[in-house]
Amino acid sequence: MAGLSDNEARPGPQEAPATAPQVADGIRSLHDRIDELHRLVAQRLETEGVHAGEWLHERTATARPHSILPAWRRKTQGELRWPVAATVALGIGLQVAVPGRLVLVQPAWVLPLVQGALLIILIAANPHRINRQSTVMRSLSLVLAAILSLANGWSVARLAYDITHGNKGQTPGELLITGAVIWLTNVIVFGLWYWEFDRGGPVARALNLKNRYPDFQFVQMVSPPEMVPPDWEPFFLDYLYLAFTNAAAFSPTDVLPMSRWAKVAMTVQSIISIVTVALVVSRAINILPSVGG
């Protein structure tokens, strides 16, 4: 087949369509409109007291098939009263076992009696589930935790003073038991504080008031949905576990503090635990030879 001769005109390269700049301008205009829409939606959500990122996360979660909003992020029936009541009763009983010279108020039964009365009032007002909002009941609950904290803090300070000043009067066994009682009470006290203040307290968590950010990040909150029951939410025993591991390890373990007050509280608890364990154990070991001799 004959080809084109050199004198024949060959088709030149196709010119770029004149509409390319218009397409680019259109895309740029579309991006600007999307940004403007995003800004208007964010302003509208802020006026309603809703965080834009959190709103988008919730809408994404509801749009996914078979996805369920975690229990700790929605309204629930509240946790049972008896676990926290039994633990507080144990803390009151432990204070009775503290030697009289380490007690804040004399006679030694006064503070346990007051604490027991407050506990009975709280149980009578809300015996089954902690799901009713009451300023009076919350104030009484905080007062009870404060009295427990003050009494145990005094016992820690007095025990440290006696040990560092060489005051005698206890065998190694008695000293270790006293230290264990104070250490365990410290765990209960801080477990109460964590439970009382995380996201506004147990009632605020159950009713999902103000949809506050968590002060503690539990493992279940960041685990895949298939590994966490849909009805899981932190209860008192979870906070007691948090207080125990923090006191035993002197640092966070699998539960992380998110807010500043939570970090300060865990630091204070670790300091108290370190002082109690270090002083009691060292003193008990120091006086062992004298007993043997």
C-alpha atoms as a PDB file:
ATOM      1  CA  MET A   1       0.000   0.000   0.000  1.00  0.00           C
ATOM      2  CA  ALA A   2       1.410   3.343  -0.981  1.00  0.00           C
ATOM      3  CA  GLY A   3       2.359   5.677   1.826  1.00  0.00           C
ATOM      4  CA  LEU A   4       2.062   9.354   2.007  1.00  0.00           C
ATOM      5  CA  SER A   5       4.561  11.338   0.042  1.00  0.00           C
ATOM      6  CA  ASP A   6       6.672  14.057   1.541  1.00  0.00           C
ATOM      7  CA  ASN A   7       4.635  16.677  -0.254  1.00  0.00           C
ATOM      8  CA  GLU A   8       1.340  15.552   1.207  1.00  0.00           C
ATOM      9  CA  ALA A   9       0.120  17.227   4.417  1.00  0.00           C
ATOM     10  CA  ARG A  10       0.260  15.123   7.536  1.00  0.00           C
ATOM     11  CA  PRO A  11      -2.266  15.566  10.356  1.00  0.00           C
ATOM     12  CA  GLY A  12      -0.735  17.683  13.121  1.00  0.00           C
ATOM     13  CA  PRO A  13      -0.964  16.981  16.880  1.00  0.00           C
ATOM     14  CA  GLN A  14      -4.381  17.603  18.356  1.00  0.00           C
ATOM     15  CA  GLU A  15      -4.621  20.832  20.281  1.00  0.00           C
ATOM     16  CA  ALA A  16      -5.591  20.701  23.992  1.00  0.00           C
ATOM     17  CA  PRO A  17      -9.266  21.365  24.434  1.00  0.00           C
ATOM     18  CA  ALA A  18     -10.041  24.900  25.372  1.00  0.00           C
ATOM     19  CA  THR A  19     -12.290  23.667  28.185  1.00  0.00           C
ATOM     20  CA  ALA A  20      -9.424  22.401  30.471  1.00  0.00           C
ATOM     21  CA  PRO A  21      -9.040  25.683  32.391  1.00  0.00           C
ATOM     22  CA  GLN A  22     -12.776  25.800  32.889  1.00  0.00           C
ATOM     23  CA  VAL A  23     -12.790  22.283  34.380  1.00  0.00           C
ATOM     24  CA  ALA A  24      -9.999  23.227  36.783  1.00  0.00           C
ATOM     25  CA  ASP A  25     -11.872  26.360  37.798  1.00  0.00           C
ATOM     26  CA  GLY A  26     -15.000  24.291  38.353  1.00  0.00           C
ATOM     27  CA  ILE A  27     -13.181  21.813  40.616  1.00  0.00           C
ATOM     28  CA  ARG A  28     -11.614  24.657  42.554  1.00  0.00           C
ATOM     29  CA  SER A  29     -15.010  26.294  42.991  1.00  0.00           C
ATOM     30  CA  LEU A  30     -16.504  22.993  44.176  1.00  0.00           C
ATOM     31  CA  HIS A  31     -13.779  22.628  46.821  1.00  0.00           C
ATOM     32  CA  ASP A  32     -14.453  26.172  48.020  1.00  0.00           C
ATOM     33  CA  ARG A  33     -18.155  25.455  48.336  1.00  0.00           C
ATOM     34  CA  ILE A  34     -17.495  22.232  50.273  1.00  0.00           C
ATOM     35  CA  ASP A  35     -15.178  24.100  52.664  1.00  0.00           C
ATOM     36  CA  GLU A  36     -17.812  26.787  53.140  1.00  0.00           C
ATOM     37  CA  LEU A  37     -20.471  24.145  53.833  1.00  0.00           C
ATOM     38  CA  HIS A  38     -18.191  22.436  56.357  1.00  0.00           C
ATOM     39  CA  ARG A  39     -17.615  25.760  58.108  1.00  0.00           C
ATOM     40  CA  LEU A  40     -21.344  26.523  58.300  1.00  0.00           C
ATOM     41  CA  VAL A  41     -22.160  23.053  59.666  1.00  0.00           C
ATOM     42  CA  ALA A  42     -19.381  23.309  62.287  1.00  0.00           C
ATOM     43  CA  GLN A  43     -20.668  26.728  63.392  1.00  0.00           C
ATOM     44  CA  ARG A  44     -24.214  25.374  63.664  1.00  0.00           C
ATOM     45  CA  LEU A  45     -23.068  22.402  65.759  1.00  0.00           C
ATOM     46  CA  GLU A  46     -20.992  24.628  68.051  1.00  0.00           C
ATOM     47  CA  THR A  47     -24.021  26.841  68.712  1.00  0.00           C
ATOM     48  CA  GLU A  48     -25.878  23.689  69.786  1.00  0.00           C
ATOM     49  CA  GLY A  49     -22.992  22.642  72.060  1.00  0.00           C
ATOM     50  CA  VAL A  50     -21.926  19.680  69.915  1.00  0.00           C
ATOM     51  CA  HIS A  51     -18.357  19.024  68.788  1.00  0.00           C
ATOM     52  CA  ALA A  52     -18.162  18.613  65.014  1.00  0.00           C
ATOM     53  CA  GLY A  53     -15.687  15.723  65.074  1.00  0.00           C
ATOM     54  CA  GLU A  54     -17.695  13.836  67.678  1.00  0.00           C
ATOM     55  CA  TRP A  55     -20.939  14.418  65.746  1.00  0.00           C
ATOM     56  CA  LEU A  56     -19.353  13.090  62.557  1.00  0.00           C
ATOM     57  CA  HIS A  57     -17.997  10.052  64.413  1.00  0.00           C
ATOM     58  CA  GLU A  58     -21.438   9.239  65.806  1.00  0.00           C
ATOM     59  CA  ARG A  59     -23.104   9.659  62.401  1.00  0.00           C
ATOM     60  CA  THR A  60     -20.483   7.402  60.824  1.00  0.00           C
ATOM     61  CA  ALA A  61     -21.047   4.791  63.512  1.00  0.00           C
ATOM     62  CA  THR A  62     -24.814   4.839  62.994  1.00  0.00           C
ATOM     63  CA  ALA A  63     -24.409   4.646  59.219  1.00  0.00           C
ATOM     64  CA  ARG A  64     -22.385   1.452  59.379  1.00  0.00           C
ATOM     65  CA  PRO A  65     -24.415  -1.744  59.146  1.00  0.00           C
ATOM     66  CA  HIS A  66     -24.692  -3.757  62.352  1.00  0.00           C
ATOM     67  CA  SER A  67     -22.755  -1.101  64.343  1.00  0.00           C
ATOM     68  CA  ILE A  68     -23.905  -0.344  67.888  1.00  0.00           C
ATOM     69  CA  LEU A  69     -22.938   2.697  69.895  1.00  0.00           C
ATOM     70  CA  PRO A  70     -20.886   1.535  72.917  1.00  0.00           C
ATOM     71  CA  ALA A  71     -22.731   1.569  76.228  1.00  0.00           C
ATOM     72  CA  TRP A  72     -20.267   3.987  77.783  1.00  0.00           C
ATOM     73  CA  ARG A  73     -21.266   6.578  75.150  1.00  0.00           C
ATOM     74  CA  ARG A  74     -25.040   6.306  75.561  1.00  0.00           C
ATOM     75  CA  LYS A  75     -27.673   6.331  78.274  1.00  0.00           C
ATOM     76  CA  THR A  76     -27.854   3.126  80.324  1.00  0.00           C
ATOM     77  CA  GLN A  77     -29.705   1.781  83.338  1.00  0.00           C
ATOM     78  CA  GLY A  78     -26.839   2.533  85.746  1.00  0.00           C
ATOM     79  CA  GLU A  79     -24.696   0.222  87.811  1.00  0.00           C
ATOM     80  CA  LEU A  80     -25.673  -1.783  90.864  1.00  0.00           C
ATOM     81  CA  ARG A  81     -25.260  -0.249  94.306  1.00  0.00           C
ATOM     82  CA  TRP A  82     -24.035  -3.292  96.219  1.00  0.00           C
ATOM     83  CA  PRO A  83     -20.434  -3.566  94.844  1.00  0.00           C
ATOM     84  CA  VAL A  84     -19.505  -0.037  95.883  1.00  0.00           C
ATOM     85  CA  ALA A  85     -21.450  -0.339  99.160  1.00  0.00           C
ATOM     86  CA  ALA A  86     -19.662  -3.572 100.088  1.00  0.00           C
ATOM     87  CA  THR A  87     -16.255  -2.088  99.235  1.00  0.00           C
ATOM     88  CA  VAL A  88     -16.888   1.074 101.269  1.00  0.00           C
ATOM     89  CA  ALA A  89     -18.057  -1.071 104.191  1.00  0.00           C
ATOM     90  CA  LEU A  90     -14.781  -2.987 103.916  1.00  0.00           C
ATOM     91  CA  GLY A  91     -12.853   0.306 103.984  1.00  0.00           C
ATOM     92  CA  ILE A  92     -14.710   1.381 107.117  1.00  0.00           C
ATOM     93  CA  GLY A  93     -13.954  -1.969 108.737  1.00  0.00           C
ATOM     94  CA  LEU A  94     -10.261  -1.642 107.860  1.00  0.00           C
ATOM     95  CA  GLN A  95     -10.100   1.679 109.693  1.00  0.00           C
ATOM     96  CA  VAL A  96     -11.307  -0.058 112.841  1.00  0.00           C
ATOM     97  CA  ALA A  97      -8.231  -2.306 112.604  1.00  0.00           C
ATOM     98  CA  VAL A  98      -5.809   0.662 112.586  1.00  0.00           C
ATOM     99  CA  PRO A  99      -3.985   1.106 115.927  1.00  0.00           C
ATOM    100  CA  GLY A 100      -5.404   3.874 118.107  1.00  0.00           C
ATOM    101  CA  ARG A 101      -2.255   6.000 117.986  1.00  0.00           C
ATOM    102  CA  LEU A 102      -2.672   6.318 114.180  1.00  0.00           C
ATOM    103  CA  VAL A 103      -6.342   7.344 114.313  1.00  0.00           C
ATOM    104  CA  LEU A 104      -7.352  10.910 113.490  1.00  0.00           C
ATOM    105  CA  VAL A 105     -10.207  11.284 116.016  1.00  0.00           C
ATOM    106  CA  GLN A 106     -10.453   9.737 119.456  1.00  0.00           C
ATOM    107  CA  PRO A 107     -12.156   7.547 120.484  1.00  0.00           C
ATOM    108  CA  ALA A 108     -11.296   5.409 117.471  1.00  0.00           C
ATOM    109  CA  TRP A 109     -14.910   4.359 116.760  1.00  0.00           C
ATOM    110  CA  VAL A 110     -16.197   7.903 116.075  1.00  0.00           C
ATOM    111  CA  LEU A 111     -15.170   8.250 112.420  1.00  0.00           C
ATOM    112  CA  PRO A 112     -16.182   4.683 111.439  1.00  0.00           C
ATOM    113  CA  LEU A 113     -19.572   5.355 113.043  1.00  0.00           C
ATOM    114  CA  VAL A 114     -20.038   8.560 111.035  1.00  0.00           C
ATOM    115  CA  GLN A 115     -18.925   6.830 107.836  1.00  0.00           C
ATOM    116  CA  GLY A 116     -21.285   3.917 108.476  1.00  0.00           C
ATOM    117  CA  ALA A 117     -24.204   6.306 109.016  1.00  0.00           C
ATOM    118  CA  LEU A 118     -23.483   8.092 105.717  1.00  0.00           C
ATOM    119  CA  LEU A 119     -23.253   4.766 103.909  1.00  0.00           C
ATOM    120  CA  ILE A 120     -26.603   3.637 105.314  1.00  0.00           C
ATOM    121  CA  ILE A 121     -28.237   6.892 104.155  1.00  0.00           C
ATOM    122  CA  LEU A 122     -26.845   6.455 100.640  1.00  0.00           C
ATOM    123  CA  ILE A 123     -28.025   2.846 100.439  1.00  0.00           C
ATOM    124  CA  ALA A 124     -31.493   3.715 101.742  1.00  0.00           C
ATOM    125  CA  ALA A 125     -31.889   6.580  99.258  1.00  0.00           C
ATOM    126  CA  ASN A 126     -30.829   4.520  96.246  1.00  0.00           C
ATOM    127  CA  PRO A 127     -30.606   0.830  97.161  1.00  0.00           C
ATOM    128  CA  HIS A 128     -30.636  -0.888  93.762  1.00  0.00           C
ATOM    129  CA  ARG A 129     -29.114   1.041  90.868  1.00  0.00           C
ATOM    130  CA  ILE A 130     -27.223   4.333  90.844  1.00  0.00           C
ATOM    131  CA  ASN A 131     -29.207   6.145  88.183  1.00  0.00           C
ATOM    132  CA  ARG A 132     -31.060   8.988  89.909  1.00  0.00           C
ATOM    133  CA  GLN A 133     -29.577  12.459  89.950  1.00  0.00           C
ATOM    134  CA  SER A 134     -29.590  14.164  93.358  1.00  0.00           C
ATOM    135  CA  THR A 135     -27.328  16.976  94.517  1.00  0.00           C
ATOM    136  CA  VAL A 136     -27.822  16.002  98.170  1.00  0.00           C
ATOM    137  CA  MET A 137     -26.939  12.344  97.613  1.00  0.00           C
ATOM    138  CA  ARG A 138     -23.895  13.208  95.533  1.00  0.00           C
ATOM    139  CA  SER A 139     -22.710  15.634  98.209  1.00  0.00           C
ATOM    140  CA  LEU A 140     -23.097  12.975 100.912  1.00  0.00           C
ATOM    141  CA  SER A 141     -21.198  10.488  98.754  1.00  0.00           C
ATOM    142  CA  LEU A 142     -18.331  12.952  98.286  1.00  0.00           C
ATOM    143  CA  VAL A 143     -18.308  13.741 102.017  1.00  0.00           C
ATOM    144  CA  LEU A 144     -18.020  10.028 102.784  1.00  0.00           C
ATOM    145  CA  ALA A 145     -15.094   9.665 100.381  1.00  0.00           C
ATOM    146  CA  ALA A 146     -13.454  12.766 101.870  1.00  0.00           C
ATOM    147  CA  ILE A 147     -13.725  11.460 105.443  1.00  0.00           C
ATOM    148  CA  LEU A 148     -12.241   8.121 104.399  1.00  0.00           C
ATOM    149  CA  SER A 149      -9.414   9.935 102.612  1.00  0.00           C
ATOM    150  CA  LEU A 150      -8.695  12.276 105.514  1.00  0.00           C
ATOM    151  CA  ALA A 151      -8.641   9.487 108.071  1.00  0.00           C
ATOM    152  CA  ASN A 152      -6.395   7.258 105.981  1.00  0.00           C
ATOM    153  CA  GLY A 153      -4.119  10.158 105.024  1.00  0.00           C
ATOM    154  CA  TRP A 154      -3.627  10.955 108.706  1.00  0.00           C
ATOM    155  CA  SER A 155      -2.803   7.307 109.420  1.00  0.00           C
ATOM    156  CA  VAL A 156      -0.204   7.300 106.617  1.00  0.00           C
ATOM    157  CA  ALA A 157       1.407  10.502 107.873  1.00  0.00           C
ATOM    158  CA  ARG A 158       1.414   9.340 111.491  1.00  0.00           C
ATOM    159  CA  LEU A 159       2.858   5.947 110.569  1.00  0.00           C
ATOM    160  CA  ALA A 160       5.612   7.578 108.507  1.00  0.00           C
ATOM    161  CA  TYR A 161       6.412   9.933 111.395  1.00  0.00           C
ATOM    162  CA  ASP A 162       6.654   7.083 113.887  1.00  0.00           C
ATOM    163  CA  ILE A 163       8.887   5.008 111.626  1.00  0.00           C
ATOM    164  CA  THR A 164      11.257   7.847 110.712  1.00  0.00           C
ATOM    165  CA  HIS A 165      11.567   8.922 114.365  1.00  0.00           C
ATOM    166  CA  GLY A 166      12.237   5.409 115.591  1.00  0.00           C
ATOM    167  CA  ASN A 167       9.120   5.076 117.733  1.00  0.00           C
ATOM    168  CA  LYS A 168       8.758   1.475 118.789  1.00  0.00           C
ATOM    169  CA  GLY A 169       5.857  -0.533 120.086  1.00  0.00           C
ATOM    170  CA  GLN A 170       5.088  -2.901 117.235  1.00  0.00           C
ATOM    171  CA  THR A 171       6.549  -6.217 116.187  1.00  0.00           C
ATOM    172  CA  PRO A 172       7.443  -6.775 112.517  1.00  0.00           C
ATOM    173  CA  GLY A 173       4.229  -8.733 112.019  1.00  0.00           C
ATOM    174  CA  GLU A 174       2.058  -6.017 113.553  1.00  0.00           C
ATOM    175  CA  LEU A 175       3.839  -3.346 111.532  1.00  0.00           C
ATOM    176  CA  LEU A 176       3.321  -5.227 108.277  1.00  0.00           C
ATOM    177  CA  ILE A 177      -0.367  -5.782 109.058  1.00  0.00           C
ATOM    178  CA  THR A 178      -0.837  -2.089 109.865  1.00  0.00           C
ATOM    179  CA  GLY A 179       0.909  -1.090 106.650  1.00  0.00           C
ATOM    180  CA  ALA A 180      -1.210  -3.528 104.620  1.00  0.00           C
ATOM    181  CA  VAL A 181      -4.425  -2.182 106.164  1.00  0.00           C
ATOM    182  CA  ILE A 182      -3.466   1.407 105.338  1.00  0.00           C
ATOM    183  CA  TRP A 183      -2.296   0.457 101.830  1.00  0.00           C
ATOM    184  CA  LEU A 184      -5.526  -1.419 101.059  1.00  0.00           C
ATOM    185  CA  THR A 185      -7.618   1.460 102.425  1.00  0.00           C
ATOM    186  CA  ASN A 186      -5.647   3.771 100.141  1.00  0.00           C
ATOM    187  CA  VAL A 187      -6.670   1.601  97.178  1.00  0.00           C
ATOM    188  CA  ILE A 188     -10.349   1.780  98.173  1.00  0.00           C
ATOM    189  CA  VAL A 189     -10.211   5.539  98.738  1.00  0.00           C
ATOM    190  CA  PHE A 190      -8.685   6.350  95.359  1.00  0.00           C
ATOM    191  CA  GLY A 191     -10.949   3.846  93.627  1.00  0.00           C
ATOM    192  CA  LEU A 192     -13.846   5.871  95.057  1.00  0.00           C
ATOM    193  CA  TRP A 193     -12.394   9.156  93.824  1.00  0.00           C
ATOM    194  CA  TYR A 194     -11.805   7.808  90.316  1.00  0.00           C
ATOM    195  CA  TRP A 195     -15.333   6.414  90.252  1.00  0.00           C
ATOM    196  CA  GLU A 196     -16.873   9.630  91.609  1.00  0.00           C
ATOM    197  CA  PHE A 197     -15.234  12.045  89.166  1.00  0.00           C
ATOM    198  CA  ASP A 198     -14.746  10.213  85.865  1.00  0.00           C
ATOM    199  CA  ARG A 199     -17.083  11.949  83.377  1.00  0.00           C
ATOM    200  CA  GLY A 200     -18.996  13.601  86.211  1.00  0.00           C
ATOM    201  CA  GLY A 201     -19.685  10.553  88.368  1.00  0.00           C
ATOM    202  CA  PRO A 202     -21.737   7.336  88.143  1.00  0.00           C
ATOM    203  CA  VAL A 203     -25.117   9.040  87.594  1.00  0.00           C
ATOM    204  CA  ALA A 204     -23.743  11.377  84.916  1.00  0.00           C
ATOM    205  CA  ARG A 205     -22.193   8.391  83.128  1.00  0.00           C
ATOM    206  CA  ALA A 206     -25.416   6.371  83.302  1.00  0.00           C
ATOM    207  CA  LEU A 207     -27.559   9.243  82.009  1.00  0.00           C
ATOM    208  CA  ASN A 208     -24.840  10.376  79.572  1.00  0.00           C
ATOM    209  CA  LEU A 209     -25.167  13.949  80.796  1.00  0.00           C
ATOM    210  CA  LYS A 210     -23.408  16.497  78.558  1.00  0.00           C
ATOM    211  CA  ASN A 211     -21.697  13.616  76.711  1.00  0.00           C
ATOM    212  CA  ARG A 212     -18.396  14.446  78.398  1.00  0.00           C
ATOM    213  CA  TYR A 213     -14.993  13.148  77.357  1.00  0.00           C
ATOM    214  CA  PRO A 214     -13.655  10.263  79.484  1.00  0.00           C
ATOM    215  CA  ASP A 215     -11.063  11.060  82.149  1.00  0.00           C
ATOM    216  CA  PHE A 216      -9.726   7.490  81.971  1.00  0.00           C
ATOM    217  CA  GLN A 217      -9.177   5.396  78.867  1.00  0.00           C
ATOM    218  CA  PHE A 218     -10.006   1.771  79.523  1.00  0.00           C
ATOM    219  CA  VAL A 219      -8.842  -0.933  77.134  1.00  0.00           C
ATOM    220  CA  GLN A 220     -12.413  -1.721  76.070  1.00  0.00           C
ATOM    221  CA  MET A 221     -12.881   1.849  74.813  1.00  0.00           C
ATOM    222  CA  VAL A 222     -10.249   1.462  72.095  1.00  0.00           C
ATOM    223  CA  SER A 223     -10.580  -2.250  71.349  1.00  0.00           C
ATOM    224  CA  PRO A 224     -12.256  -3.560  68.162  1.00  0.00           C
ATOM    225  CA  PRO A 225     -16.052  -3.909  68.566  1.00  0.00           C
ATOM    226  CA  GLU A 226     -15.920  -7.663  68.095  1.00  0.00           C
ATOM    227  CA  MET A 227     -13.753  -7.956  71.245  1.00  0.00           C
ATOM    228  CA  VAL A 228     -15.985  -5.878  73.554  1.00  0.00           C
ATOM    229  CA  PRO A 229     -19.567  -6.648  74.624  1.00  0.00           C
ATOM    230  CA  PRO A 230     -21.907  -3.908  73.357  1.00  0.00           C
ATOM    231  CA  ASP A 231     -23.253  -3.319  76.874  1.00  0.00           C
ATOM    232  CA  TRP A 232     -19.812  -2.802  78.486  1.00  0.00           C
ATOM    233  CA  GLU A 233     -19.238   0.376  80.468  1.00  0.00           C
ATOM    234  CA  PRO A 234     -16.872   1.103  83.369  1.00  0.00           C
ATOM    235  CA  PHE A 235     -18.320   0.186  86.761  1.00  0.00           C
ATOM    236  CA  PHE A 236     -16.917   0.613  90.252  1.00  0.00           C
ATOM    237  CA  LEU A 237     -14.898  -2.603  90.130  1.00  0.00           C
ATOM    238  CA  ASP A 238     -13.099  -1.282  87.051  1.00  0.00           C
ATOM    239  CA  TYR A 239     -12.048   1.817  88.974  1.00  0.00           C
ATOM    240  CA  LEU A 240     -11.064  -0.297  91.985  1.00  0.00           C
ATOM    241  CA  TYR A 241      -8.870  -2.364  89.678  1.00  0.00           C
ATOM    242  CA  LEU A 242      -7.371   0.860  88.324  1.00  0.00           C
ATOM    243  CA  ALA A 243      -6.549   2.037  91.857  1.00  0.00           C
ATOM    244  CA  PHE A 244      -5.062  -1.353  92.807  1.00  0.00           C
ATOM    245  CA  THR A 245      -2.782  -1.619  89.775  1.00  0.00           C
ATOM    246  CA  ASN A 246      -1.650   1.992  90.155  1.00  0.00           C
ATOM    247  CA  ALA A 247      -0.809   1.406  93.823  1.00  0.00           C
ATOM    248  CA  ALA A 248       0.973  -1.874  93.074  1.00  0.00           C
ATOM    249  CA  ALA A 249       2.940  -0.743  90.008  1.00  0.00           C
ATOM    250  CA  PHE A 250       3.393   2.921  91.124  1.00  0.00           C
ATOM    251  CA  SER A 251       2.299   3.919  87.602  1.00  0.00           C
ATOM    252  CA  PRO A 252      -0.545   3.394  85.108  1.00  0.00           C
ATOM    253  CA  THR A 253      -0.862  -0.059  83.595  1.00  0.00           C
ATOM    254  CA  ASP A 254      -3.637  -0.770  81.079  1.00  0.00           C
ATOM    255  CA  VAL A 255      -5.861   2.186  82.082  1.00  0.00           C
ATOM    256  CA  LEU A 256      -4.513   5.589  81.071  1.00  0.00           C
ATOM    257  CA  PRO A 257      -5.354   8.959  82.641  1.00  0.00           C
ATOM    258  CA  MET A 258      -6.646  11.395  80.034  1.00  0.00           C
ATOM    259  CA  SER A 259      -7.408  14.568  82.018  1.00  0.00           C
ATOM    260  CA  ARG A 260      -5.033  16.570  84.183  1.00  0.00           C
ATOM    261  CA  TRP A 261      -6.871  15.919  87.436  1.00  0.00           C
ATOM    262  CA  ALA A 262      -6.696  12.171  86.750  1.00  0.00           C
ATOM    263  CA  LYS A 263      -2.933  12.380  86.222  1.00  0.00           C
ATOM    264  CA  VAL A 264      -2.475  14.354  89.450  1.00  0.00           C
ATOM    265  CA  ALA A 265      -4.663  11.931  91.421  1.00  0.00           C
ATOM    266  CA  MET A 266      -2.784   8.883  90.157  1.00  0.00           C
ATOM    267  CA  THR A 267       0.522  10.579  90.960  1.00  0.00           C
ATOM    268  CA  VAL A 268      -0.574  11.311  94.539  1.00  0.00           C
ATOM    269  CA  GLN A 269      -1.777   7.746  94.992  1.00  0.00           C
ATOM    270  CA  SER A 270       1.530   6.362  93.722  1.00  0.00           C
ATOM    271  CA  ILE A 271       3.473   8.590  96.132  1.00  0.00           C
ATOM    272  CA  ILE A 272       1.380   7.443  99.098  1.00  0.00           C
ATOM    273  CA  SER A 273       1.792   3.822  98.051  1.00  0.00           C
ATOM    274  CA  ILE A 274       5.559   4.166  97.645  1.00  0.00           C
ATOM    275  CA  VAL A 275       5.950   5.843 101.029  1.00  0.00           C
ATOM    276  CA  THR A 276       3.801   3.247 102.798  1.00  0.00           C
ATOM    277  CA  VAL A 277       5.475   0.215 101.232  1.00  0.00           C
ATOM    278  CA  ALA A 278       9.045   1.509 101.440  1.00  0.00           C
ATOM    279  CA  LEU A 279       8.879   2.700 105.052  1.00  0.00           C
ATOM    280  CA  VAL A 280       6.901  -0.224 106.439  1.00  0.00           C
ATOM    281  CA  VAL A 281       8.905  -2.946 104.720  1.00  0.00           C
ATOM    282  CA  SER A 282      12.281  -1.357 105.489  1.00  0.00           C
ATOM    283  CA  ARG A 283      11.362  -0.819 109.132  1.00  0.00           C
ATOM    284  CA  ALA A 284      10.021  -4.354 109.499  1.00  0.00           C
ATOM    285  CA  ILE A 285      13.215  -5.826 108.029  1.00  0.00           C
ATOM    286  CA  ASN A 286      15.325  -3.546 110.213  1.00  0.00           C
ATOM    287  CA  ILE A 287      13.764  -4.720 113.465  1.00  0.00           C
ATOM    288  CA  LEU A 288      13.741  -8.421 112.570  1.00  0.00           C
ATOM    289  CA  PRO A 289      17.282  -9.135 113.949  1.00  0.00           C
ATOM    290  CA  SER A 290      16.497  -7.523 117.285  1.00  0.00           C
ATOM    291  CA  VAL A 291      13.478  -9.774 117.685  1.00  0.00           C
ATOM    292  CA  GLY A 292      15.503 -12.834 116.828  1.00  0.00           C
ATOM    293  CA  GLY A 293      18.251 -11.908 119.239  1.00  0.00           C
END
